[in-house]
Amino acid sequence: MTAPESEKILEALSYGVVGEHQRGLATLQPMVDAGPRSTYAMLGALAEMASKEARETNAPGTQFGISAEVLDGAVSVDVMPPSLRFAARFITAWASRDEDTAEALFWAVAEPSDRDGTDDLADAITAVYGMAVAAAEHTVLQQQRRQRETGESG
C-alpha cells in the first residue's frame, strides 16, 4: 500500500471518528474503483486498525476467534447479517495473520458481487470500515483518558 493510500485510509477513519461515515466511505471509494487488489489492500489496512489492540495485547502468533454474545449468552456467528459476518471473519483472519483465509473470504464476496452487480462487497466494506472506526474511536478515548489522568496536553 502506497503512502497516499495509507493517508487516505487514515483520513477516512478520522471522518468516521467524528461521525462523518459517508464522507469516510467516499474517501475510500477511489481505492475500490482501482480494482480488487487495491480493495483487498484497503480492507487489510482497515482490518489492521480494527485488530490493533487485540494484536498488541496478545503474544505474536496468537490465533483469534469470534465470539458473538447476546443478553442470553453466546450465539453462533452464523446468525449475524452477511456483511457483519464477513467483517468479523475477515478481521479475525487478518489479526491471526491467516492471509489465505482473508483472501478467500474477500474473493468469496468480491467475485459474485462483481459478477451479479449486488451490493454485497459494498456492504462488506462498510462493515469492516465500521469496525475499524469503532476501534479508532476506542483508541482516541483511551488516549484522551490517559492525557486527563497524567495532566498531559495533546
Protein backbone atom coordinates (compact mmCIF):
# COMPACT_ATOMS: atom_id res chain seq x y z
CA MET A 1 0.00 0.00 0.00
CA THR A 2 1.42 3.35 -1.01
CA ALA A 3 1.75 6.30 1.35
CA PRO A 4 -1.06 8.30 -0.34
CA GLU A 5 -3.43 5.33 0.08
CA SER A 6 -2.42 4.97 3.74
CA GLU A 7 -3.04 8.67 4.26
CA LYS A 8 -6.47 8.36 2.63
CA ILE A 9 -7.37 5.43 4.90
CA LEU A 10 -6.36 7.45 7.97
CA GLU A 11 -8.39 10.38 6.63
CA ALA A 12 -11.40 8.09 6.14
CA LEU A 13 -11.04 6.75 9.69
CA SER A 14 -10.81 10.30 11.01
CA TYR A 15 -14.06 11.17 9.27
CA GLY A 16 -15.65 8.12 10.85
CA VAL A 17 -14.44 9.03 14.33
CA VAL A 18 -16.15 12.42 14.05
CA GLY A 19 -19.35 10.81 12.76
CA GLU A 20 -18.97 11.51 9.04
CA HIS A 21 -19.15 7.88 7.92
CA GLN A 22 -20.42 8.60 4.40
CA ARG A 23 -17.60 11.07 3.81
CA GLY A 24 -15.15 8.47 5.12
CA LEU A 25 -16.51 5.80 2.79
CA ALA A 26 -16.39 8.27 -0.11
CA THR A 27 -12.71 8.83 0.69
CA LEU A 28 -12.12 5.09 0.29
CA GLN A 29 -14.09 4.80 -2.98
CA PRO A 30 -11.14 5.54 -5.32
CA MET A 31 -9.32 2.51 -3.89
CA VAL A 32 -12.35 0.35 -4.62
CA ASP A 33 -12.62 1.83 -8.11
CA ALA A 34 -8.94 0.94 -8.72
CA GLY A 35 -9.83 -2.75 -8.63
CA PRO A 36 -9.78 -5.85 -6.45
CA ARG A 37 -6.10 -5.72 -5.47
CA SER A 38 -6.46 -2.18 -4.17
CA THR A 39 -9.75 -3.06 -2.46
CA TYR A 40 -8.19 -6.07 -0.74
CA ALA A 41 -5.21 -3.98 0.43
CA MET A 42 -7.59 -1.32 1.75
CA LEU A 43 -9.63 -3.93 3.64
CA GLY A 44 -6.39 -5.31 5.07
CA ALA A 45 -5.39 -1.86 6.32
CA LEU A 46 -8.81 -1.40 7.90
CA ALA A 47 -8.58 -4.87 9.48
CA GLU A 48 -5.14 -3.92 10.81
CA MET A 49 -6.71 -0.96 12.61
CA ALA A 50 -9.69 -2.95 13.81
CA SER A 51 -7.44 -5.65 15.31
CA LYS A 52 -4.60 -3.43 16.56
CA GLU A 53 -5.42 -3.60 20.25
CA ALA A 54 -6.03 -7.36 20.21
CA ARG A 55 -2.72 -7.97 18.45
CA GLU A 56 -0.81 -5.64 20.76
CA THR A 57 -2.19 -7.21 23.95
CA ASN A 58 -1.53 -10.81 22.91
CA ALA A 59 1.61 -12.73 22.06
CA PRO A 60 2.79 -12.85 18.46
CA GLY A 61 1.29 -15.82 16.68
CA THR A 62 -1.94 -15.71 18.68
CA GLN A 63 -4.83 -17.20 16.76
CA PHE A 64 -8.03 -15.23 17.31
CA GLY A 65 -11.61 -16.42 17.22
CA ILE A 66 -15.01 -14.79 17.01
CA SER A 67 -17.31 -14.53 19.97
CA ALA A 68 -20.83 -13.23 19.45
CA GLU A 69 -22.90 -12.65 22.56
CA VAL A 70 -26.42 -11.50 23.32
CA LEU A 71 -28.09 -10.95 26.68
CA ASP A 72 -28.91 -14.64 26.99
CA GLY A 73 -25.37 -15.84 26.19
CA ALA A 74 -23.20 -16.73 23.23
CA VAL A 75 -24.62 -17.21 19.75
CA SER A 76 -23.18 -18.53 16.51
CA VAL A 77 -21.56 -16.04 14.17
CA ASP A 78 -23.85 -17.53 11.53
CA VAL A 79 -26.80 -15.52 12.92
CA MET A 80 -25.06 -12.24 12.04
CA PRO A 81 -26.08 -10.41 8.87
CA PRO A 82 -23.80 -11.45 5.96
CA SER A 83 -21.82 -8.20 5.85
CA LEU A 84 -21.14 -8.25 9.58
CA ARG A 85 -20.27 -11.95 9.44
CA PHE A 86 -17.79 -11.19 6.64
CA ALA A 87 -16.24 -8.32 8.60
CA ALA A 88 -15.86 -10.40 11.76
CA ARG A 89 -14.32 -13.32 9.88
CA PHE A 90 -12.06 -11.15 7.70
CA ILE A 91 -10.73 -9.10 10.62
CA THR A 92 -10.22 -12.25 12.70
CA ALA A 93 -8.31 -13.93 9.88
CA TRP A 94 -6.23 -10.78 9.36
CA ALA A 95 -5.47 -10.47 13.09
CA SER A 96 -4.41 -14.14 13.14
CA ARG A 97 -2.15 -13.44 10.14
CA ASP A 98 -4.09 -16.02 8.14
CA GLU A 99 -3.86 -14.31 4.77
CA ASP A 100 -5.07 -17.39 2.89
CA THR A 101 -8.39 -17.25 4.76
CA ALA A 102 -8.65 -13.46 4.49
CA GLU A 103 -8.07 -13.62 0.75
CA ALA A 104 -10.55 -16.49 0.30
CA LEU A 105 -13.18 -14.55 2.25
CA PHE A 106 -12.55 -11.49 0.10
CA TRP A 107 -12.92 -13.36 -3.18
CA ALA A 108 -16.00 -15.20 -1.93
CA VAL A 109 -17.71 -11.80 -1.65
CA ALA A 110 -15.97 -9.82 -4.39
CA GLU A 111 -16.39 -12.19 -7.33
CA PRO A 112 -20.14 -12.82 -7.00
CA SER A 113 -20.79 -9.17 -6.18
CA ASP A 114 -18.89 -8.05 -9.26
CA ARG A 115 -20.44 -10.71 -11.48
CA ASP A 116 -24.04 -10.24 -10.28
CA GLY A 117 -23.93 -6.49 -9.61
CA THR A 118 -25.01 -6.86 -5.98
CA ASP A 119 -24.14 -4.58 -3.08
CA ASP A 120 -22.55 -7.43 -1.11
CA LEU A 121 -18.98 -6.13 -1.49
CA ALA A 122 -20.03 -2.56 -0.67
CA ASP A 123 -21.87 -3.83 2.41
CA ALA A 124 -18.82 -5.88 3.44
CA ILE A 125 -16.53 -2.85 3.04
CA THR A 126 -18.93 -0.73 5.07
CA ALA A 127 -18.96 -3.33 7.88
CA VAL A 128 -15.14 -3.60 8.01
CA TYR A 129 -14.91 0.20 7.91
CA GLY A 130 -17.41 0.46 10.78
CA MET A 131 -15.39 -1.94 12.92
CA ALA A 132 -12.17 -0.06 12.14
CA VAL A 133 -13.85 3.23 13.06
CA ALA A 134 -15.06 1.73 16.35
CA ALA A 135 -11.51 0.60 17.13
CA ALA A 136 -10.16 4.05 16.22
CA GLU A 137 -12.77 5.70 18.46
CA HIS A 138 -11.73 3.40 21.31
CA THR A 139 -8.07 4.33 20.76
CA VAL A 140 -8.90 8.04 20.78
CA LEU A 141 -10.92 7.69 24.01
CA GLN A 142 -8.10 5.75 25.70
CA GLN A 143 -5.59 8.40 24.67
CA GLN A 144 -7.83 11.19 25.98
CA ARG A 145 -8.30 9.32 29.27
CA ARG A 146 -4.53 8.86 29.68
CA GLN A 147 -3.98 12.54 28.98
CA ARG A 148 -6.55 13.54 31.61
CA GLU A 149 -5.04 11.18 34.17
CA THR A 150 -1.48 12.40 33.61
CA GLY A 151 -2.38 16.04 33.01
CA GLU A 152 -0.71 15.98 29.58
CA SER A 153 -1.95 18.10 26.72
CA GLY A 154 -2.44 16.78 23.28
